[in-house]
């Protein structure tokens, strides 16, 4: 049975789940969510898809699951891939949780404020504060990757797919790969994985659709 993933191309959190699905080899298909026209705020979406009003949402038969980290773990349990072995499983989880709190949550908000709000509504002090927090997170990740090809262990895991969630997007939010050589090298490793796709190629939805 084909797994369905409710998602849209601009969502880095959805990309984390979509990339894990794509690279796992599972049969899956995206279901476009029209976020920018308010679909996630409708009663139908919150009743039938996800009461939290968020993406991604995975549906596998009669099982429905939201939150990218939970979906990634489900994929790992279903396929035996990307979850880590032995004690490394806790390291994978540690980095997924770190990303959700320190990196992706701030990157996603900052990217939204800088690119998807009208210029006159952009809160510049908030953006500057967030970019300071992001610089601290990039420093942690860049230092950790020194001498490593992957965040945990000898191959790609959900830690990598989680932490890269927003870092392939072209819209500016305070991240320049050239300024972070270890992160740049690591992102190139991810791009070299067989089956890797850019978020705008992997999921439906692109800012150009609304241009």
N, C-alpha and C. Protein backbone atom coordinates (compact mmCIF):
# COMPACT_ATOMS: atom_id res chain seq x y z
N UNK A 1 0.84 -1.19 0.00
CA UNK A 1 0.00 0.00 0.00
C UNK A 1 0.87 1.24 0.00
N UNK A 2 0.52 2.20 -0.82
CA UNK A 2 1.30 3.43 -0.96
C UNK A 2 1.10 4.33 0.26
N UNK A 3 2.21 4.76 0.85
CA UNK A 3 2.16 5.71 1.95
C UNK A 3 1.88 7.10 1.38
N UNK A 4 1.04 7.84 2.05
CA UNK A 4 0.75 9.22 1.64
C UNK A 4 1.39 10.17 2.64
N UNK A 5 1.96 11.24 2.10
CA UNK A 5 2.54 12.27 2.96
C UNK A 5 1.92 13.62 2.61
N UNK A 6 1.17 14.17 3.55
CA UNK A 6 0.61 15.51 3.38
C UNK A 6 1.76 16.50 3.57
N UNK A 7 1.98 17.35 2.56
CA UNK A 7 3.17 18.18 2.58
C UNK A 7 3.03 19.31 1.57
N UNK A 8 3.99 20.21 1.58
CA UNK A 8 4.12 21.21 0.52
C UNK A 8 5.58 21.60 0.42
N UNK A 9 6.00 22.00 -0.78
CA UNK A 9 7.41 22.13 -1.08
C UNK A 9 8.17 23.11 -0.22
N UNK A 10 7.49 24.16 0.25
CA UNK A 10 8.19 25.17 1.04
C UNK A 10 8.47 24.75 2.47
N UNK A 11 7.92 23.62 2.91
CA UNK A 11 8.06 23.20 4.30
C UNK A 11 9.30 22.36 4.53
N UNK A 12 10.25 22.92 5.28
CA UNK A 12 11.43 22.15 5.62
C UNK A 12 11.14 20.98 6.54
N UNK A 13 10.14 21.13 7.40
CA UNK A 13 9.78 20.01 8.26
C UNK A 13 9.18 18.87 7.45
N UNK A 14 8.37 19.20 6.45
CA UNK A 14 7.84 18.15 5.58
C UNK A 14 8.97 17.50 4.78
N UNK A 15 9.96 18.31 4.40
CA UNK A 15 11.08 17.77 3.63
C UNK A 15 11.83 16.69 4.41
N UNK A 16 11.96 16.87 5.72
CA UNK A 16 12.64 15.87 6.53
C UNK A 16 12.00 14.50 6.38
N UNK A 17 10.67 14.47 6.41
CA UNK A 17 9.95 13.20 6.28
C UNK A 17 9.97 12.70 4.85
N UNK A 18 9.78 13.62 3.89
CA UNK A 18 9.76 13.23 2.48
C UNK A 18 11.11 12.66 2.05
N UNK A 19 12.20 13.28 2.50
CA UNK A 19 13.52 12.79 2.12
C UNK A 19 13.78 11.41 2.71
N UNK A 20 13.40 11.20 3.97
CA UNK A 20 13.57 9.87 4.57
C UNK A 20 12.75 8.83 3.82
N UNK A 21 11.52 9.17 3.44
CA UNK A 21 10.69 8.25 2.67
C UNK A 21 11.33 7.94 1.33
N UNK A 22 11.78 8.97 0.64
CA UNK A 22 12.34 8.79 -0.70
C UNK A 22 13.59 7.91 -0.67
N UNK A 23 14.47 8.17 0.27
CA UNK A 23 15.73 7.42 0.33
C UNK A 23 15.57 6.03 0.95
N UNK A 24 14.47 5.81 1.65
CA UNK A 24 14.23 4.50 2.26
C UNK A 24 13.83 3.45 1.24
N UNK A 25 13.31 3.90 0.10
CA UNK A 25 12.81 2.97 -0.91
C UNK A 25 11.36 2.58 -0.73
N UNK A 26 10.69 3.12 0.28
CA UNK A 26 9.27 2.83 0.47
C UNK A 26 8.44 3.46 -0.64
N UNK A 27 7.32 2.84 -0.93
CA UNK A 27 6.39 3.36 -1.92
C UNK A 27 5.57 4.47 -1.27
N UNK A 28 5.68 5.68 -1.77
CA UNK A 28 4.99 6.80 -1.15
C UNK A 28 4.61 7.83 -2.20
N UNK A 29 3.68 8.69 -1.85
CA UNK A 29 3.29 9.78 -2.74
C UNK A 29 2.94 11.00 -1.92
N UNK A 30 3.24 12.19 -2.43
CA UNK A 30 2.90 13.42 -1.72
C UNK A 30 1.44 13.80 -1.94
N UNK A 31 0.83 14.38 -0.93
CA UNK A 31 -0.50 14.97 -1.03
C UNK A 31 -0.32 16.46 -0.75
N UNK A 32 -0.57 17.28 -1.75
CA UNK A 32 -0.32 18.71 -1.60
C UNK A 32 -1.26 19.35 -0.60
N UNK A 33 -0.69 20.12 0.30
CA UNK A 33 -1.46 20.90 1.28
C UNK A 33 -1.28 22.38 0.92
N UNK A 34 -2.36 23.06 0.69
CA UNK A 34 -2.32 24.46 0.25
C UNK A 34 -2.19 25.38 1.47
N UNK A 35 -1.04 25.34 2.07
CA UNK A 35 -0.78 26.06 3.32
C UNK A 35 -1.00 27.56 3.16
N UNK A 36 -0.51 28.12 2.06
CA UNK A 36 -0.53 29.58 1.93
C UNK A 36 -1.93 30.12 1.65
N UNK A 37 -2.86 29.27 1.33
CA UNK A 37 -4.26 29.69 1.23
C UNK A 37 -5.08 29.20 2.41
N UNK A 38 -4.38 28.80 3.49
CA UNK A 38 -5.05 28.54 4.75
C UNK A 38 -5.62 27.15 4.96
N UNK A 39 -5.21 26.16 4.15
CA UNK A 39 -5.82 24.83 4.27
C UNK A 39 -5.63 24.23 5.65
N UNK A 40 -4.47 24.41 6.26
CA UNK A 40 -4.22 23.78 7.56
C UNK A 40 -5.04 24.40 8.68
N UNK A 41 -5.62 25.56 8.41
CA UNK A 41 -6.44 26.23 9.44
C UNK A 41 -7.92 25.90 9.30
N UNK A 42 -8.29 25.11 8.31
CA UNK A 42 -9.70 24.80 8.10
C UNK A 42 -10.16 23.72 9.07
N UNK A 43 -11.44 23.73 9.36
CA UNK A 43 -12.01 22.71 10.23
C UNK A 43 -11.85 21.32 9.62
N UNK A 44 -12.00 21.24 8.30
CA UNK A 44 -11.86 19.93 7.65
C UNK A 44 -10.47 19.37 7.86
N UNK A 45 -9.44 20.18 7.66
CA UNK A 45 -8.08 19.69 7.81
C UNK A 45 -7.83 19.26 9.25
N UNK A 46 -8.25 20.08 10.20
CA UNK A 46 -7.99 19.76 11.61
C UNK A 46 -8.81 18.58 12.10
N UNK A 47 -9.93 18.32 11.46
CA UNK A 47 -10.76 17.19 11.85
C UNK A 47 -10.34 15.90 11.14
N UNK A 48 -10.02 16.00 9.84
CA UNK A 48 -9.78 14.82 9.04
C UNK A 48 -8.31 14.47 8.85
N UNK A 49 -7.43 15.46 8.97
CA UNK A 49 -6.01 15.22 8.68
C UNK A 49 -5.15 15.32 9.93
N UNK A 50 -5.16 16.47 10.60
CA UNK A 50 -4.28 16.65 11.76
C UNK A 50 -4.85 17.73 12.66
N UNK A 51 -5.21 17.34 13.86
CA UNK A 51 -5.79 18.29 14.80
C UNK A 51 -4.83 19.41 15.18
N UNK A 52 -3.52 19.18 14.97
CA UNK A 52 -2.53 20.21 15.27
C UNK A 52 -2.46 21.28 14.19
N UNK A 53 -3.07 21.02 13.05
CA UNK A 53 -3.05 21.98 11.96
C UNK A 53 -1.68 22.17 11.35
N UNK A 54 -0.92 21.08 11.20
CA UNK A 54 0.45 21.17 10.72
C UNK A 54 0.70 20.15 9.61
N UNK A 55 1.81 20.32 8.92
CA UNK A 55 2.40 19.29 8.09
C UNK A 55 3.81 19.05 8.65
N UNK A 56 4.37 17.87 8.38
CA UNK A 56 3.84 16.77 7.57
C UNK A 56 2.89 15.87 8.36
N UNK A 57 2.08 15.15 7.59
CA UNK A 57 1.25 14.09 8.14
C UNK A 57 1.42 12.87 7.24
N UNK A 58 1.76 11.74 7.82
CA UNK A 58 1.92 10.50 7.08
C UNK A 58 0.73 9.60 7.32
N UNK A 59 0.24 8.97 6.25
CA UNK A 59 -0.84 8.00 6.35
C UNK A 59 -0.37 6.71 5.71
N UNK A 60 -0.29 5.66 6.51
CA UNK A 60 0.10 4.34 6.03
C UNK A 60 -1.03 3.38 6.36
N UNK A 61 -1.90 3.14 5.38
CA UNK A 61 -3.07 2.32 5.65
C UNK A 61 -4.00 3.02 6.62
N UNK A 62 -4.26 2.36 7.74
CA UNK A 62 -5.15 2.96 8.74
C UNK A 62 -4.37 3.67 9.84
N UNK A 63 -3.06 3.85 9.63
CA UNK A 63 -2.23 4.51 10.64
C UNK A 63 -1.87 5.91 10.17
N UNK A 64 -2.11 6.87 11.03
CA UNK A 64 -1.84 8.27 10.72
C UNK A 64 -0.88 8.84 11.76
N UNK A 65 0.11 9.62 11.30
CA UNK A 65 1.14 10.11 12.21
C UNK A 65 1.61 11.49 11.74
N UNK A 66 1.76 12.40 12.69
CA UNK A 66 2.32 13.71 12.38
C UNK A 66 3.60 13.92 13.17
N UNK A 67 4.25 15.04 12.90
CA UNK A 67 5.55 15.43 13.45
C UNK A 67 6.68 14.69 12.70
N UNK A 68 7.58 15.47 12.12
CA UNK A 68 8.61 14.90 11.25
C UNK A 68 9.48 13.88 11.97
N UNK A 69 9.87 14.16 13.21
CA UNK A 69 10.73 13.22 13.93
C UNK A 69 10.06 11.89 14.18
N UNK A 70 8.77 11.93 14.50
CA UNK A 70 8.02 10.69 14.72
C UNK A 70 7.88 9.91 13.42
N UNK A 71 7.65 10.62 12.32
CA UNK A 71 7.54 9.96 11.02
C UNK A 71 8.88 9.33 10.63
N UNK A 72 9.96 10.05 10.87
CA UNK A 72 11.28 9.49 10.58
C UNK A 72 11.53 8.21 11.38
N UNK A 73 11.13 8.20 12.64
CA UNK A 73 11.31 7.00 13.45
C UNK A 73 10.46 5.86 12.93
N UNK A 74 9.26 6.16 12.49
CA UNK A 74 8.39 5.14 11.92
C UNK A 74 9.05 4.52 10.68
N UNK A 75 9.62 5.36 9.84
CA UNK A 75 10.31 4.85 8.64
C UNK A 75 11.48 3.97 9.04
N UNK A 76 12.24 4.41 10.05
CA UNK A 76 13.38 3.61 10.52
C UNK A 76 12.92 2.26 11.05
N UNK A 77 11.85 2.25 11.82
CA UNK A 77 11.36 0.99 12.37
C UNK A 77 10.80 0.08 11.27
N UNK A 78 10.21 0.67 10.25
CA UNK A 78 9.60 -0.12 9.18
C UNK A 78 10.63 -0.71 8.23
N UNK A 79 11.74 0.02 8.04
CA UNK A 79 12.72 -0.39 7.04
C UNK A 79 14.05 -0.86 7.62
N UNK A 80 14.32 -0.52 8.87
CA UNK A 80 15.63 -0.82 9.44
C UNK A 80 16.70 0.16 8.99
N UNK A 81 16.31 1.26 8.37
CA UNK A 81 17.27 2.24 7.86
C UNK A 81 17.19 3.55 8.64
N UNK A 82 18.33 4.21 8.77
CA UNK A 82 18.43 5.60 9.22
C UNK A 82 18.19 5.83 10.71
N UNK A 83 17.97 4.77 11.48
CA UNK A 83 17.70 4.95 12.90
C UNK A 83 18.91 4.79 13.78
N UNK A 84 20.02 4.31 13.24
CA UNK A 84 21.20 4.05 14.05
C UNK A 84 21.14 2.66 14.67
N UNK A 85 22.29 2.19 15.11
CA UNK A 85 22.40 0.87 15.72
C UNK A 85 22.85 1.00 17.17
N UNK A 86 22.30 0.15 18.04
CA UNK A 86 22.72 0.14 19.44
C UNK A 86 22.55 1.50 20.08
N UNK A 87 23.59 1.93 20.78
CA UNK A 87 23.52 3.21 21.48
C UNK A 87 23.47 4.40 20.52
N UNK A 88 23.86 4.17 19.26
CA UNK A 88 23.78 5.26 18.30
C UNK A 88 22.35 5.73 18.09
N UNK A 89 21.37 4.88 18.38
CA UNK A 89 19.98 5.29 18.23
C UNK A 89 19.67 6.50 19.11
N UNK A 90 20.29 6.54 20.27
CA UNK A 90 20.04 7.66 21.18
C UNK A 90 20.76 8.91 20.69
N UNK A 91 21.90 8.72 20.05
CA UNK A 91 22.60 9.86 19.47
C UNK A 91 21.78 10.45 18.31
N UNK A 92 21.21 9.58 17.49
CA UNK A 92 20.34 10.05 16.41
C UNK A 92 19.18 10.85 16.99
N UNK A 93 18.54 10.30 18.00
CA UNK A 93 17.42 10.99 18.63
C UNK A 93 17.86 12.31 19.25
N UNK A 94 19.03 12.32 19.87
CA UNK A 94 19.54 13.55 20.50
C UNK A 94 19.67 14.67 19.47
N UNK A 95 20.20 14.34 18.30
CA UNK A 95 20.38 15.36 17.27
C UNK A 95 19.07 15.76 16.61
N UNK A 96 18.14 14.83 16.48
CA UNK A 96 16.82 15.19 15.96
C UNK A 96 16.14 16.18 16.90
N UNK A 97 16.20 15.91 18.21
CA UNK A 97 15.60 16.82 19.19
C UNK A 97 16.32 18.17 19.21
N UNK A 98 17.64 18.13 19.13
CA UNK A 98 18.40 19.38 19.08
C UNK A 98 18.00 20.21 17.87
N UNK A 99 17.93 19.55 16.72
CA UNK A 99 17.53 20.27 15.51
C UNK A 99 16.15 20.90 15.66
N UNK A 100 15.20 20.12 16.14
CA UNK A 100 13.83 20.62 16.26
C UNK A 100 13.77 21.87 17.14
N UNK A 101 14.61 21.93 18.16
CA UNK A 101 14.56 23.04 19.12
C UNK A 101 15.48 24.19 18.72
N UNK A 102 16.69 23.87 18.29
CA UNK A 102 17.72 24.91 18.12
C UNK A 102 17.90 25.37 16.68
N UNK A 103 17.64 24.50 15.71
CA UNK A 103 17.96 24.83 14.32
C UNK A 103 16.72 25.02 13.47
N UNK A 104 15.98 23.96 13.22
CA UNK A 104 14.87 24.05 12.27
C UNK A 104 13.77 25.00 12.72
N UNK A 105 13.45 24.99 14.00
CA UNK A 105 12.37 25.86 14.46
C UNK A 105 12.71 27.33 14.22
N UNK A 106 13.97 27.69 14.46
CA UNK A 106 14.39 29.08 14.27
C UNK A 106 14.57 29.39 12.78
N UNK A 107 15.17 28.46 12.05
CA UNK A 107 15.38 28.68 10.61
C UNK A 107 14.05 28.81 9.88
N UNK A 108 13.10 27.95 10.21
CA UNK A 108 11.81 27.99 9.55
C UNK A 108 11.09 29.31 9.80
N UNK A 109 11.09 29.76 11.04
CA UNK A 109 10.42 31.01 11.36
C UNK A 109 11.12 32.19 10.69
N UNK A 110 12.45 32.21 10.74
CA UNK A 110 13.19 33.32 10.15
C UNK A 110 12.99 33.38 8.65
N UNK A 111 13.03 32.23 8.01
CA UNK A 111 12.79 32.18 6.55
C UNK A 111 11.40 32.66 6.21
N UNK A 112 10.42 32.29 7.00
CA UNK A 112 9.05 32.74 6.76
C UNK A 112 8.95 34.26 6.91
N UNK A 113 9.51 34.80 7.97
CA UNK A 113 9.43 36.24 8.21
C UNK A 113 10.12 37.03 7.11
N UNK A 114 11.23 36.50 6.59
CA UNK A 114 12.01 37.24 5.60
C UNK A 114 11.50 37.10 4.18
N UNK A 115 10.76 36.03 3.89
CA UNK A 115 10.43 35.74 2.51
C UNK A 115 8.94 35.65 2.20
N UNK A 116 8.13 35.33 3.19
CA UNK A 116 6.73 35.05 2.92
C UNK A 116 5.78 36.06 3.58
N UNK A 117 6.35 37.09 4.19
CA UNK A 117 5.56 38.21 4.69
C UNK A 117 5.83 39.43 3.81
N UNK A 118 4.85 40.32 3.65
CA UNK A 118 5.13 41.58 2.96
C UNK A 118 6.25 42.33 3.66
N UNK A 119 7.05 43.03 2.90
CA UNK A 119 8.23 43.70 3.46
C UNK A 119 7.89 44.61 4.63
N UNK A 120 6.75 45.30 4.54
CA UNK A 120 6.39 46.26 5.59
C UNK A 120 5.97 45.58 6.88
N UNK A 121 5.74 44.28 6.85
CA UNK A 121 5.32 43.55 8.04
C UNK A 121 6.43 42.71 8.66
N UNK A 122 7.62 42.81 8.13
CA UNK A 122 8.72 42.00 8.63
C UNK A 122 9.31 42.62 9.89
N UNK A 123 9.32 41.88 10.99
CA UNK A 123 9.85 42.43 12.26
C UNK A 123 11.37 42.32 12.30
N UNK A 124 12.05 43.36 11.88
CA UNK A 124 13.50 43.31 11.73
C UNK A 124 14.24 42.96 13.02
N UNK A 125 13.84 43.50 14.19
CA UNK A 125 14.54 43.10 15.42
C UNK A 125 14.40 41.61 15.73
N UNK A 126 13.23 41.05 15.45
CA UNK A 126 13.03 39.62 15.68
C UNK A 126 13.91 38.82 14.73
N UNK A 127 13.96 39.24 13.47
CA UNK A 127 14.79 38.55 12.48
C UNK A 127 16.25 38.58 12.91
N UNK A 128 16.72 39.74 13.35
CA UNK A 128 18.12 39.86 13.78
C UNK A 128 18.41 38.97 14.99
N UNK A 129 17.48 38.93 15.94
CA UNK A 129 17.65 38.07 17.12
C UNK A 129 17.72 36.60 16.70
N UNK A 130 16.80 36.20 15.82
CA UNK A 130 16.78 34.81 15.37
C UNK A 130 18.06 34.44 14.63
N UNK A 131 18.57 35.36 13.84
CA UNK A 131 19.79 35.06 13.09
C UNK A 131 20.98 34.89 14.03
N UNK A 132 20.96 35.58 15.15
CA UNK A 132 21.99 35.35 16.15
C UNK A 132 21.92 33.95 16.73
N UNK A 133 20.70 33.50 17.01
CA UNK A 133 20.51 32.15 17.51
C UNK A 133 20.93 31.11 16.46
N UNK A 134 20.61 31.40 15.20
CA UNK A 134 20.98 30.47 14.14
C UNK A 134 22.50 30.37 14.00
N UNK A 135 23.18 31.49 14.12
CA UNK A 135 24.65 31.45 14.03
C UNK A 135 25.23 30.54 15.10
N UNK A 136 24.65 30.59 16.29
CA UNK A 136 25.12 29.71 17.37
C UNK A 136 24.87 28.25 17.01
N UNK A 137 23.72 27.96 16.41
CA UNK A 137 23.40 26.58 16.02
C UNK A 137 24.31 26.11 14.90
N UNK A 138 24.56 26.97 13.91
CA UNK A 138 25.47 26.59 12.83
C UNK A 138 26.86 26.28 13.38
N UNK A 139 27.28 27.04 14.37
CA UNK A 139 28.60 26.82 14.96
C UNK A 139 28.68 25.45 15.62
N UNK A 140 27.64 25.08 16.35
CA UNK A 140 27.61 23.76 16.98
C UNK A 140 27.69 22.66 15.92
N UNK A 141 26.87 22.77 14.90
CA UNK A 141 26.83 21.74 13.87
C UNK A 141 28.13 21.69 13.08
N UNK A 142 28.65 22.84 12.70
CA UNK A 142 29.89 22.89 11.94
C UNK A 142 31.05 22.26 12.72
N UNK A 143 31.14 22.58 14.01
CA UNK A 143 32.20 22.01 14.84
C UNK A 143 32.04 20.50 14.98
N UNK A 144 30.81 20.05 15.16
CA UNK A 144 30.58 18.62 15.32
C UNK A 144 30.98 17.84 14.08
N UNK A 145 30.77 18.43 12.91
CA UNK A 145 31.02 17.72 11.64
C UNK A 145 32.49 17.69 11.26
N UNK A 146 33.32 18.40 11.97
CA UNK A 146 34.75 18.40 11.65
C UNK A 146 35.31 16.98 11.82
N UNK A 147 35.81 16.42 10.74
CA UNK A 147 36.34 15.06 10.77
C UNK A 147 35.29 13.99 10.63
N UNK A 148 34.02 14.37 10.37
CA UNK A 148 32.94 13.40 10.22
C UNK A 148 32.24 13.62 8.87
N UNK A 149 31.82 12.53 8.25
CA UNK A 149 31.01 12.63 7.04
C UNK A 149 29.53 12.76 7.37
N UNK A 150 29.14 12.20 8.53
CA UNK A 150 27.74 12.19 8.93
C UNK A 150 27.63 12.60 10.39
N UNK A 151 26.46 13.01 10.80
CA UNK A 151 26.31 13.50 12.18
C UNK A 151 26.50 12.37 13.18
N UNK A 152 25.98 11.19 12.88
CA UNK A 152 26.12 10.03 13.77
C UNK A 152 26.59 8.83 12.95
N UNK A 153 27.65 8.20 13.37
CA UNK A 153 28.06 6.95 12.75
C UNK A 153 28.68 7.13 11.37
N UNK A 154 28.65 6.03 10.60
CA UNK A 154 29.35 5.97 9.32
C UNK A 154 28.45 6.11 8.11
N UNK A 155 27.19 6.44 8.32
CA UNK A 155 26.28 6.59 7.20
C UNK A 155 25.16 7.53 7.55
N UNK A 156 24.34 7.86 6.56
CA UNK A 156 23.25 8.81 6.81
C UNK A 156 22.20 8.26 7.76
N UNK A 157 21.70 9.12 8.62
CA UNK A 157 20.65 8.75 9.56
C UNK A 157 19.60 9.87 9.58
N UNK A 158 18.59 9.64 10.37
CA UNK A 158 17.56 10.67 10.55
C UNK A 158 18.12 11.95 11.15
N UNK A 159 19.24 11.85 11.84
CA UNK A 159 19.89 13.06 12.36
C UNK A 159 20.28 13.98 11.21
N UNK A 160 20.83 13.40 10.15
CA UNK A 160 21.21 14.18 8.98
C UNK A 160 19.99 14.74 8.27
N UNK A 161 18.97 13.91 8.08
CA UNK A 161 17.78 14.35 7.36
C UNK A 161 17.01 15.41 8.13
N UNK A 162 17.11 15.36 9.45
CA UNK A 162 16.45 16.38 10.25
C UNK A 162 17.21 17.70 10.19
N UNK A 163 18.51 17.65 10.44
CA UNK A 163 19.29 18.88 10.51
C UNK A 163 19.43 19.59 9.17
N UNK A 164 19.30 18.87 8.07
CA UNK A 164 19.43 19.51 6.76
C UNK A 164 18.11 20.09 6.28
N UNK A 165 17.04 19.93 7.06
CA UNK A 165 15.70 20.20 6.58
C UNK A 165 15.50 21.54 5.90
N UNK A 166 16.13 22.60 6.42
CA UNK A 166 15.95 23.93 5.86
C UNK A 166 17.18 24.43 5.10
N UNK A 167 18.26 23.67 5.10
CA UNK A 167 19.53 24.21 4.62
C UNK A 167 19.73 24.12 3.11
N UNK A 168 18.82 23.46 2.40
CA UNK A 168 18.90 23.41 0.94
C UNK A 168 18.05 24.48 0.27
N UNK A 169 17.25 25.19 1.02
CA UNK A 169 16.34 26.16 0.41
C UNK A 169 17.10 27.39 -0.09
N UNK A 170 16.68 27.95 -1.22
CA UNK A 170 17.39 29.09 -1.80
C UNK A 170 17.04 30.43 -1.19
N UNK A 171 15.88 30.52 -0.50
CA UNK A 171 15.47 31.81 0.04
C UNK A 171 16.40 32.23 1.19
N UNK A 172 16.75 33.50 1.27
CA UNK A 172 17.67 33.95 2.32
C UNK A 172 17.04 33.93 3.70
N UNK A 173 17.80 33.44 4.67
CA UNK A 173 17.35 33.53 6.07
C UNK A 173 18.53 33.60 7.02
N UNK A 174 19.72 33.87 6.46
CA UNK A 174 20.90 34.01 7.30
C UNK A 174 21.82 32.81 7.26
N UNK A 175 21.73 31.99 6.20
CA UNK A 175 22.63 30.84 6.07
C UNK A 175 23.30 30.89 4.71
N UNK A 176 24.63 30.88 4.72
CA UNK A 176 25.45 30.85 3.51
C UNK A 176 26.40 29.67 3.64
N UNK A 177 26.21 28.66 2.81
CA UNK A 177 27.03 27.45 2.90
C UNK A 177 28.51 27.76 2.88
N UNK A 178 28.89 28.74 2.10
CA UNK A 178 30.32 29.05 1.95
C UNK A 178 30.96 29.50 3.25
N UNK A 179 30.17 29.98 4.18
CA UNK A 179 30.70 30.45 5.46
C UNK A 179 30.89 29.32 6.46
N UNK A 180 30.38 28.14 6.14
CA UNK A 180 30.42 27.01 7.07
C UNK A 180 30.96 25.79 6.33
N UNK A 181 32.28 25.66 6.20
CA UNK A 181 32.85 24.63 5.32
C UNK A 181 32.51 23.20 5.70
N UNK A 182 32.41 22.90 6.99
CA UNK A 182 32.08 21.52 7.38
C UNK A 182 30.62 21.21 7.05
N UNK A 183 29.73 22.17 7.28
CA UNK A 183 28.32 21.98 6.92
C UNK A 183 28.19 21.86 5.41
N UNK A 184 28.94 22.68 4.67
CA UNK A 184 28.90 22.63 3.21
C UNK A 184 29.30 21.25 2.70
N UNK A 185 30.38 20.72 3.25
CA UNK A 185 30.85 19.39 2.84
C UNK A 185 29.80 18.32 3.17
N UNK A 186 29.24 18.42 4.35
CA UNK A 186 28.20 17.46 4.78
C UNK A 186 26.96 17.54 3.90
N UNK A 187 26.53 18.73 3.56
CA UNK A 187 25.37 18.87 2.66
C UNK A 187 25.68 18.27 1.30
N UNK A 188 26.91 18.40 0.84
CA UNK A 188 27.30 17.77 -0.43
C UNK A 188 27.23 16.25 -0.32
N UNK A 189 27.59 15.71 0.84
CA UNK A 189 27.46 14.26 1.05
C UNK A 189 26.00 13.82 0.92
N UNK A 190 25.09 14.60 1.50
CA UNK A 190 23.67 14.27 1.41
C UNK A 190 23.20 14.35 -0.04
N UNK A 191 23.62 15.40 -0.74
CA UNK A 191 23.23 15.56 -2.14
C UNK A 191 23.74 14.43 -3.02
N UNK A 192 24.81 13.79 -2.60
CA UNK A 192 25.41 12.69 -3.39
C UNK A 192 24.71 11.36 -3.16
N UNK A 193 23.80 11.28 -2.19
CA UNK A 193 23.10 10.02 -1.93
C UNK A 193 22.21 9.66 -3.12
N UNK A 194 22.23 8.40 -3.55
CA UNK A 194 21.36 7.98 -4.65
C UNK A 194 19.89 8.25 -4.33
N UNK A 195 19.22 8.99 -5.19
CA UNK A 195 17.81 9.29 -4.98
C UNK A 195 17.55 10.63 -4.32
N UNK A 196 18.63 11.34 -3.90
CA UNK A 196 18.41 12.65 -3.28
C UNK A 196 17.71 13.59 -4.23
N UNK A 197 16.80 14.39 -3.69
CA UNK A 197 16.13 15.42 -4.47
C UNK A 197 16.02 16.69 -3.64
N UNK A 198 16.08 17.81 -4.31
CA UNK A 198 15.85 19.10 -3.68
C UNK A 198 14.40 19.16 -3.22
N UNK A 199 14.11 19.90 -2.14
CA UNK A 199 12.72 19.93 -1.65
C UNK A 199 11.71 20.37 -2.69
N UNK A 200 12.06 21.30 -3.56
CA UNK A 200 11.11 21.76 -4.57
C UNK A 200 10.91 20.74 -5.69
N UNK A 201 11.81 19.76 -5.77
CA UNK A 201 11.64 18.67 -6.73
C UNK A 201 10.95 17.46 -6.12
N UNK A 202 11.04 17.36 -4.80
CA UNK A 202 10.51 16.18 -4.11
C UNK A 202 9.06 16.33 -3.72
N UNK A 203 8.63 17.58 -3.46
CA UNK A 203 7.26 17.83 -2.97
C UNK A 203 6.60 18.90 -3.83
N UNK A 204 5.28 18.82 -3.99
CA UNK A 204 4.59 19.86 -4.75
C UNK A 204 4.49 21.16 -3.96
N UNK A 205 4.55 22.28 -4.70
CA UNK A 205 4.49 23.58 -4.05
C UNK A 205 5.82 24.30 -4.16
N UNK A 206 5.77 25.54 -4.68
CA UNK A 206 6.97 26.32 -4.93
C UNK A 206 6.58 27.79 -4.89
N UNK A 207 7.42 28.67 -4.35
CA UNK A 207 7.05 30.09 -4.36
C UNK A 207 6.69 30.62 -5.74
N UNK A 208 7.29 30.04 -6.78
CA UNK A 208 6.97 30.50 -8.13
C UNK A 208 5.51 30.26 -8.50
N UNK A 209 4.86 29.32 -7.81
CA UNK A 209 3.45 29.07 -8.07
C UNK A 209 2.58 30.25 -7.69
N UNK A 210 3.08 31.09 -6.78
CA UNK A 210 2.30 32.23 -6.29
C UNK A 210 2.82 33.56 -6.81
N UNK A 211 3.84 33.47 -7.70
CA UNK A 211 4.44 34.71 -8.22
C UNK A 211 3.45 35.47 -9.10
